[in-house]
Each structure stands twice: as C-alpha cells, then as structure tokens.
Amino acid sequence: RLVRVTTRVGRHPKAHATAAGKVLLADLDNDRFLEIYPEEHLETLTPRTRTDRAQLCDELSQVRAEGYARNLGESEADMYTIAVPLHRPDGRVICALAISTPHSRAGVRADRALSPTEQSYLESLRNARSLIESRLGF
C-alpha cells in the first residue's frame, strides 16, 4: 500500500512533537533547552502532543537513556516516526535519522514496549547510523 508524502513549503515542524526533533532536543544542555522552550505550556498540534514542558523533559531523559525517540501521532493524527541520533566522531549529535509511516501500520503496542515492526525499524536505523558514522571524518 502506497503512502504519499509531500513537502509543505513554509511549514516548520515543532521539535517537541517530532521524533527527530526530540532526538536533537535530548542532546541540548538545560540552558539552551530553556531558551527554546521558555514557557511551561507547549503548542498543541494533535490530542497526543505533549503540552507540558516538564513532561517533555521526562521524555527527553528517556530518549537519552534509550537512544531513540518516537512520534506517536503527536505532530499529525496518523503519523508514526522513530528516530535515532547521528553523532560526529567527537560524540556530538549532528542530525537524526528517521523512518516514518502511518501510525496504523507501525503495530504500536498499548504499553511502552516496541512492537516487532518498531524493533525492525530501530534495527535498520541503528545499522544505517553505524555505517554513516564509520565514514565521517571530521
């Protein structure tokens, strides 16, 4: 089943509602994070969007610990994305690698555990990251 993805010129995804954004936010120090998110309330995009800065901070701690982030319909209603950080040789995060699909196709479980489909996405991302990082020379 085909999925059509289009670019929305002029639209900027909100980092707190995207998997790649959360991967990048998780690498920031607290001062920089608070500079980007000075308010406690975060913009609501869907009913699943985190709207509390403290909840986002908790999720970012989990992203750091687990090494990946997910978007479970937080930026758009039927959007699913899983992302991992890509690191420079010195360990700093430079970007995120992500896989997106309709939420209804990702087999997301009711608990926090990854479904077999999500595990295969994560394995593919980690393999791609390893290959890319091994070829970075700066």
N, C-alpha and C. Protein backbone atom coordinates (compact mmCIF):
# COMPACT_ATOMS: atom_id res chain seq x y z
N ARG A 1 0.85 -1.18 0.00
CA ARG A 1 0.00 0.00 0.00
C ARG A 1 0.89 1.23 0.00
N LEU A 2 0.68 2.04 -0.98
CA LEU A 2 1.50 3.24 -1.12
C LEU A 2 1.15 4.28 -0.07
N VAL A 3 2.15 5.06 0.29
CA VAL A 3 1.97 6.19 1.19
C VAL A 3 2.49 7.40 0.45
N ARG A 4 1.70 8.43 0.39
CA ARG A 4 2.12 9.65 -0.28
C ARG A 4 2.59 10.65 0.76
N VAL A 5 3.81 11.14 0.56
CA VAL A 5 4.39 12.13 1.45
C VAL A 5 4.67 13.38 0.63
N THR A 6 4.28 14.51 1.12
CA THR A 6 4.52 15.76 0.40
C THR A 6 5.26 16.75 1.29
N THR A 7 5.97 17.64 0.66
CA THR A 7 6.65 18.71 1.37
C THR A 7 5.67 19.85 1.53
N ARG A 8 5.66 20.45 2.69
CA ARG A 8 4.80 21.59 2.94
C ARG A 8 5.67 22.82 3.06
N VAL A 9 5.83 23.51 1.96
CA VAL A 9 6.70 24.68 1.91
C VAL A 9 6.24 25.70 2.94
N GLY A 10 7.21 26.21 3.71
CA GLY A 10 6.92 27.22 4.70
C GLY A 10 6.46 26.68 6.04
N ARG A 11 6.22 25.40 6.13
CA ARG A 11 5.78 24.79 7.40
C ARG A 11 7.00 24.24 8.13
N HIS A 12 7.11 24.57 9.38
CA HIS A 12 8.23 24.11 10.20
C HIS A 12 7.70 23.20 11.29
N PRO A 13 8.07 21.91 11.25
CA PRO A 13 7.60 21.00 12.30
C PRO A 13 8.09 21.46 13.67
N LYS A 14 7.30 21.23 14.67
CA LYS A 14 7.66 21.58 16.05
C LYS A 14 8.50 20.44 16.64
N ALA A 15 9.68 20.77 17.11
CA ALA A 15 10.62 19.76 17.60
C ALA A 15 10.02 18.90 18.70
N HIS A 16 9.24 19.48 19.60
CA HIS A 16 8.69 18.71 20.72
C HIS A 16 7.65 17.68 20.28
N ALA A 17 7.21 17.75 19.02
CA ALA A 17 6.18 16.84 18.54
C ALA A 17 6.69 15.88 17.46
N THR A 18 7.99 15.88 17.20
CA THR A 18 8.55 15.01 16.17
C THR A 18 9.64 14.13 16.78
N ALA A 19 9.82 12.95 16.23
CA ALA A 19 10.85 12.04 16.73
C ALA A 19 12.24 12.62 16.50
N ALA A 20 12.50 13.11 15.31
CA ALA A 20 13.82 13.69 15.03
C ALA A 20 14.07 14.91 15.90
N GLY A 21 13.06 15.72 16.09
CA GLY A 21 13.20 16.89 16.95
C GLY A 21 13.53 16.51 18.38
N LYS A 22 12.88 15.48 18.89
CA LYS A 22 13.14 15.05 20.26
C LYS A 22 14.56 14.50 20.41
N VAL A 23 15.05 13.80 19.38
CA VAL A 23 16.43 13.32 19.41
C VAL A 23 17.40 14.50 19.51
N LEU A 24 17.13 15.55 18.75
CA LEU A 24 18.01 16.72 18.79
C LEU A 24 17.86 17.48 20.10
N LEU A 25 16.64 17.64 20.59
CA LEU A 25 16.42 18.32 21.87
C LEU A 25 17.09 17.58 23.02
N ALA A 26 17.11 16.26 22.96
CA ALA A 26 17.70 15.46 24.04
C ALA A 26 19.19 15.71 24.19
N ASP A 27 19.84 16.22 23.15
CA ASP A 27 21.27 16.47 23.20
C ASP A 27 21.62 17.87 23.72
N LEU A 28 20.62 18.72 23.89
CA LEU A 28 20.88 20.09 24.34
C LEU A 28 21.16 20.16 25.83
N ASP A 29 21.96 21.14 26.23
CA ASP A 29 22.10 21.40 27.67
C ASP A 29 20.85 22.14 28.13
N ASN A 30 20.64 22.17 29.43
CA ASN A 30 19.42 22.72 30.00
C ASN A 30 19.21 24.19 29.65
N ASP A 31 20.29 25.00 29.66
CA ASP A 31 20.15 26.42 29.33
C ASP A 31 19.62 26.63 27.92
N ARG A 32 20.18 25.88 26.97
CA ARG A 32 19.74 26.01 25.58
C ARG A 32 18.30 25.52 25.42
N PHE A 33 17.96 24.42 26.10
CA PHE A 33 16.59 23.90 26.06
C PHE A 33 15.61 24.96 26.56
N LEU A 34 15.91 25.60 27.69
CA LEU A 34 15.02 26.62 28.25
C LEU A 34 14.97 27.87 27.39
N GLU A 35 16.00 28.14 26.65
CA GLU A 35 15.98 29.26 25.70
C GLU A 35 14.98 28.99 24.58
N ILE A 36 14.93 27.74 24.13
CA ILE A 36 14.00 27.35 23.06
C ILE A 36 12.57 27.22 23.59
N TYR A 37 12.44 26.69 24.80
CA TYR A 37 11.13 26.47 25.42
C TYR A 37 11.04 27.23 26.75
N PRO A 38 10.91 28.56 26.70
CA PRO A 38 10.85 29.33 27.95
C PRO A 38 9.53 29.18 28.70
N GLU A 39 8.48 28.81 28.00
CA GLU A 39 7.14 28.68 28.61
C GLU A 39 6.88 27.23 29.03
N GLU A 40 6.10 27.07 30.10
CA GLU A 40 5.71 25.73 30.56
C GLU A 40 4.80 25.03 29.56
N HIS A 41 3.90 25.81 28.94
CA HIS A 41 2.93 25.22 28.01
C HIS A 41 3.53 25.16 26.61
N LEU A 42 3.40 24.01 25.97
CA LEU A 42 3.90 23.80 24.61
C LEU A 42 2.73 23.78 23.62
N GLU A 43 3.01 24.16 22.40
CA GLU A 43 1.96 24.22 21.38
C GLU A 43 1.32 22.86 21.14
N THR A 44 0.02 22.83 21.08
CA THR A 44 -0.75 21.62 20.82
C THR A 44 -0.99 21.48 19.32
N LEU A 45 -0.61 20.33 18.77
CA LEU A 45 -0.83 20.07 17.34
C LEU A 45 -1.89 19.00 17.12
N THR A 46 -1.94 18.02 18.01
CA THR A 46 -2.94 16.95 17.98
C THR A 46 -3.29 16.63 19.43
N PRO A 47 -4.31 15.82 19.65
CA PRO A 47 -4.64 15.43 21.04
C PRO A 47 -3.50 14.66 21.73
N ARG A 48 -2.54 14.11 20.97
CA ARG A 48 -1.44 13.35 21.55
C ARG A 48 -0.17 14.18 21.79
N THR A 49 -0.16 15.43 21.38
CA THR A 49 1.02 16.28 21.55
C THR A 49 1.28 16.53 23.03
N ARG A 50 2.54 16.41 23.44
CA ARG A 50 2.92 16.81 24.80
C ARG A 50 2.77 18.32 24.89
N THR A 51 2.05 18.78 25.89
CA THR A 51 1.82 20.22 26.02
C THR A 51 2.43 20.79 27.30
N ASP A 52 3.14 19.98 28.04
CA ASP A 52 3.75 20.40 29.29
C ASP A 52 5.27 20.22 29.19
N ARG A 53 6.02 21.28 29.44
CA ARG A 53 7.47 21.24 29.32
C ARG A 53 8.09 20.19 30.23
N ALA A 54 7.58 20.04 31.45
CA ALA A 54 8.13 19.04 32.38
C ALA A 54 7.95 17.63 31.83
N GLN A 55 6.81 17.35 31.21
CA GLN A 55 6.59 16.03 30.60
C GLN A 55 7.56 15.81 29.45
N LEU A 56 7.80 16.86 28.67
CA LEU A 56 8.76 16.76 27.58
C LEU A 56 10.15 16.47 28.14
N CYS A 57 10.54 17.14 29.20
CA CYS A 57 11.85 16.90 29.82
C CYS A 57 11.98 15.45 30.26
N ASP A 58 10.92 14.89 30.84
CA ASP A 58 10.93 13.48 31.24
C ASP A 58 11.13 12.58 30.03
N GLU A 59 10.42 12.89 28.95
CA GLU A 59 10.55 12.08 27.73
C GLU A 59 11.96 12.21 27.16
N LEU A 60 12.54 13.39 27.19
CA LEU A 60 13.89 13.58 26.67
C LEU A 60 14.93 12.81 27.48
N SER A 61 14.71 12.68 28.77
CA SER A 61 15.58 11.84 29.61
C SER A 61 15.51 10.40 29.15
N GLN A 62 14.31 9.96 28.83
CA GLN A 62 14.12 8.60 28.34
C GLN A 62 14.77 8.43 26.96
N VAL A 63 14.68 9.43 26.11
CA VAL A 63 15.32 9.39 24.79
C VAL A 63 16.83 9.23 24.96
N ARG A 64 17.41 10.00 25.87
CA ARG A 64 18.86 9.88 26.11
C ARG A 64 19.22 8.47 26.59
N ALA A 65 18.42 7.92 27.47
CA ALA A 65 18.69 6.59 28.02
C ALA A 65 18.52 5.48 26.99
N GLU A 66 17.47 5.58 26.15
CA GLU A 66 17.16 4.52 25.20
C GLU A 66 17.85 4.69 23.84
N GLY A 67 18.21 5.93 23.52
CA GLY A 67 18.91 6.17 22.26
C GLY A 67 18.01 6.31 21.05
N TYR A 68 16.74 6.52 21.26
CA TYR A 68 15.80 6.75 20.16
C TYR A 68 14.60 7.53 20.68
N ALA A 69 13.86 8.10 19.73
CA ALA A 69 12.62 8.81 20.06
C ALA A 69 11.53 8.38 19.09
N ARG A 70 10.29 8.53 19.53
CA ARG A 70 9.15 8.21 18.66
C ARG A 70 8.18 9.38 18.62
N ASN A 71 7.47 9.47 17.52
CA ASN A 71 6.34 10.37 17.35
C ASN A 71 5.13 9.46 17.18
N LEU A 72 4.25 9.48 18.15
CA LEU A 72 3.08 8.61 18.12
C LEU A 72 1.83 9.45 17.86
N GLY A 73 1.77 10.04 16.68
CA GLY A 73 0.63 10.87 16.33
C GLY A 73 0.65 12.23 17.01
N GLU A 74 1.83 12.71 17.38
CA GLU A 74 1.95 13.97 18.09
C GLU A 74 2.01 15.18 17.17
N SER A 75 2.52 14.99 15.95
CA SER A 75 2.62 16.11 15.01
C SER A 75 1.47 16.12 14.02
N GLU A 76 0.99 14.94 13.67
CA GLU A 76 -0.17 14.76 12.80
C GLU A 76 -0.90 13.51 13.27
N ALA A 77 -2.18 13.46 13.06
CA ALA A 77 -3.02 12.42 13.65
C ALA A 77 -2.55 10.99 13.36
N ASP A 78 -2.25 10.63 12.15
CA ASP A 78 -1.90 9.24 11.82
C ASP A 78 -0.41 9.10 11.51
N MET A 79 0.43 9.92 12.12
CA MET A 79 1.87 9.90 11.86
C MET A 79 2.58 9.06 12.91
N TYR A 80 3.46 8.19 12.45
CA TYR A 80 4.37 7.45 13.32
C TYR A 80 5.77 7.67 12.79
N THR A 81 6.70 7.99 13.68
CA THR A 81 8.11 8.11 13.30
C THR A 81 8.96 7.60 14.45
N ILE A 82 10.05 6.96 14.09
CA ILE A 82 11.06 6.57 15.07
C ILE A 82 12.38 7.13 14.55
N ALA A 83 13.19 7.68 15.45
CA ALA A 83 14.43 8.34 15.05
C ALA A 83 15.56 8.02 16.01
N VAL A 84 16.78 8.04 15.48
CA VAL A 84 17.99 7.88 16.28
C VAL A 84 18.93 9.04 15.97
N PRO A 85 19.81 9.37 16.93
CA PRO A 85 20.78 10.43 16.67
C PRO A 85 21.95 9.91 15.84
N LEU A 86 22.51 10.81 15.05
CA LEU A 86 23.75 10.53 14.32
C LEU A 86 24.81 11.44 14.94
N HIS A 87 25.96 10.84 15.27
CA HIS A 87 26.99 11.56 16.03
C HIS A 87 28.22 11.87 15.19
N ARG A 88 28.84 13.00 15.51
CA ARG A 88 30.17 13.32 14.99
C ARG A 88 31.17 12.38 15.68
N PRO A 89 32.38 12.27 15.14
CA PRO A 89 33.38 11.44 15.81
C PRO A 89 33.65 11.86 17.26
N ASP A 90 33.43 13.15 17.60
CA ASP A 90 33.65 13.60 18.98
C ASP A 90 32.45 13.31 19.89
N GLY A 91 31.40 12.67 19.36
CA GLY A 91 30.25 12.28 20.17
C GLY A 91 29.07 13.23 20.11
N ARG A 92 29.26 14.44 19.57
CA ARG A 92 28.15 15.39 19.49
C ARG A 92 27.14 14.94 18.44
N VAL A 93 25.87 15.18 18.73
CA VAL A 93 24.81 14.84 17.79
C VAL A 93 24.77 15.91 16.69
N ILE A 94 24.74 15.46 15.43
CA ILE A 94 24.68 16.42 14.31
C ILE A 94 23.35 16.38 13.57
N CYS A 95 22.64 15.27 13.64
CA CYS A 95 21.34 15.18 12.99
C CYS A 95 20.64 13.92 13.47
N ALA A 96 19.47 13.67 12.95
CA ALA A 96 18.72 12.48 13.30
C ALA A 96 18.38 11.70 12.03
N LEU A 97 18.36 10.41 12.14
CA LEU A 97 17.88 9.53 11.08
C LEU A 97 16.51 9.02 11.52
N ALA A 98 15.55 9.01 10.60
CA ALA A 98 14.19 8.65 10.99
C ALA A 98 13.48 7.82 9.92
N ILE A 99 12.54 7.03 10.37
CA ILE A 99 11.63 6.28 9.50
C ILE A 99 10.22 6.68 9.90
N SER A 100 9.41 7.03 8.92
CA SER A 100 8.01 7.42 9.17
C SER A 100 7.06 6.53 8.41
N THR A 101 5.89 6.33 8.98
CA THR A 101 4.84 5.54 8.35
C THR A 101 3.51 5.95 8.99
N PRO A 102 2.40 5.61 8.40
CA PRO A 102 1.15 5.86 9.11
C PRO A 102 1.15 5.10 10.44
N HIS A 103 0.68 5.74 11.48
CA HIS A 103 0.63 5.15 12.82
C HIS A 103 -0.07 3.80 12.78
N SER A 104 -1.11 3.71 11.99
CA SER A 104 -1.90 2.48 11.91
C SER A 104 -1.11 1.30 11.34
N ARG A 105 0.04 1.54 10.70
CA ARG A 105 0.84 0.46 10.13
C ARG A 105 2.05 0.07 10.98
N ALA A 106 2.31 0.79 12.05
CA ALA A 106 3.52 0.54 12.84
C ALA A 106 3.33 -0.54 13.90
N GLY A 107 2.11 -0.97 14.12
CA GLY A 107 1.86 -2.02 15.11
C GLY A 107 2.20 -1.60 16.53
N VAL A 108 1.99 -0.33 16.85
CA VAL A 108 2.34 0.20 18.17
C VAL A 108 1.53 -0.51 19.24
N ARG A 109 2.22 -0.92 20.29
CA ARG A 109 1.57 -1.61 21.41
C ARG A 109 0.99 -0.60 22.39
N ALA A 110 0.05 -1.03 23.19
CA ALA A 110 -0.58 -0.15 24.18
C ALA A 110 0.41 0.23 25.29
N ASP A 111 1.33 -0.69 25.63
CA ASP A 111 2.34 -0.34 26.62
C ASP A 111 3.52 0.36 25.93
N ARG A 112 4.53 0.70 26.64
CA ARG A 112 5.67 1.46 26.10
C ARG A 112 6.61 0.59 25.25
N ALA A 113 6.51 -0.73 25.37
CA ALA A 113 7.42 -1.63 24.66
C ALA A 113 7.27 -1.50 23.15
N LEU A 114 8.39 -1.70 22.45
CA LEU A 114 8.35 -1.62 20.99
C LEU A 114 7.72 -2.88 20.40
N SER A 115 6.92 -2.69 19.37
CA SER A 115 6.34 -3.82 18.64
C SER A 115 7.45 -4.44 17.77
N PRO A 116 7.23 -5.65 17.25
CA PRO A 116 8.22 -6.24 16.35
C PRO A 116 8.50 -5.34 15.13
N THR A 117 7.49 -4.68 14.60
CA THR A 117 7.69 -3.77 13.47
C THR A 117 8.59 -2.62 13.88
N GLU A 118 8.32 -2.03 15.03
CA GLU A 118 9.15 -0.93 15.51
C GLU A 118 10.58 -1.38 15.78
N GLN A 119 10.74 -2.57 16.31
CA GLN A 119 12.08 -3.10 16.56
C GLN A 119 12.86 -3.25 15.26
N SER A 120 12.18 -3.67 14.20
CA SER A 120 12.88 -3.80 12.90
C SER A 120 13.24 -2.43 12.34
N TYR A 121 12.37 -1.43 12.52
CA TYR A 121 12.71 -0.07 12.10
C TYR A 121 13.94 0.43 12.86
N LEU A 122 13.93 0.22 14.17
CA LEU A 122 15.04 0.69 15.01
C LEU A 122 16.34 0.00 14.63
N GLU A 123 16.30 -1.28 14.37
CA GLU A 123 17.50 -2.01 13.95
C GLU A 123 18.03 -1.46 12.63
N SER A 124 17.13 -1.19 11.69
CA SER A 124 17.55 -0.62 10.40
C SER A 124 18.19 0.76 10.59
N LEU A 125 17.60 1.59 11.44
CA LEU A 125 18.16 2.91 11.71
C LEU A 125 19.53 2.81 12.36
N ARG A 126 19.67 1.94 13.33
CA ARG A 126 20.96 1.79 14.01
C ARG A 126 22.03 1.25 13.07
N ASN A 127 21.67 0.34 12.18
CA ASN A 127 22.63 -0.16 11.20
C ASN A 127 23.06 0.94 10.24
N ALA A 128 22.10 1.73 9.77
CA ALA A 128 22.43 2.84 8.86
C ALA A 128 23.30 3.86 9.57
N ARG A 129 22.95 4.16 10.82
CA ARG A 129 23.75 5.11 11.59
C ARG A 129 25.19 4.63 11.73
N SER A 130 25.38 3.37 12.06
CA SER A 130 26.73 2.82 12.22
C SER A 130 27.54 2.97 10.94
N LEU A 131 26.91 2.69 9.83
CA LEU A 131 27.60 2.81 8.54
C LEU A 131 27.98 4.26 8.27
N ILE A 132 27.05 5.17 8.46
CA ILE A 132 27.32 6.59 8.21
C ILE A 132 28.39 7.12 9.15
N GLU A 133 28.26 6.83 10.44
CA GLU A 133 29.22 7.33 11.42
C GLU A 133 30.62 6.79 11.15
N SER A 134 30.70 5.56 10.65
CA SER A 134 32.02 4.97 10.36
C SER A 134 32.72 5.69 9.20
N ARG A 135 31.95 6.41 8.40
CA ARG A 135 32.52 7.08 7.24
C ARG A 135 32.72 8.59 7.46
N LEU A 136 32.31 9.08 8.62
CA LEU A 136 32.51 10.51 8.91
C LEU A 136 33.97 10.73 9.30
N GLY A 137 34.55 11.77 8.75
CA GLY A 137 35.96 12.01 9.03
C GLY A 137 36.26 13.39 9.54
N PHE A 138 35.28 14.11 10.06
CA PHE A 138 35.58 15.46 10.53
C PHE A 138 35.43 15.56 12.03
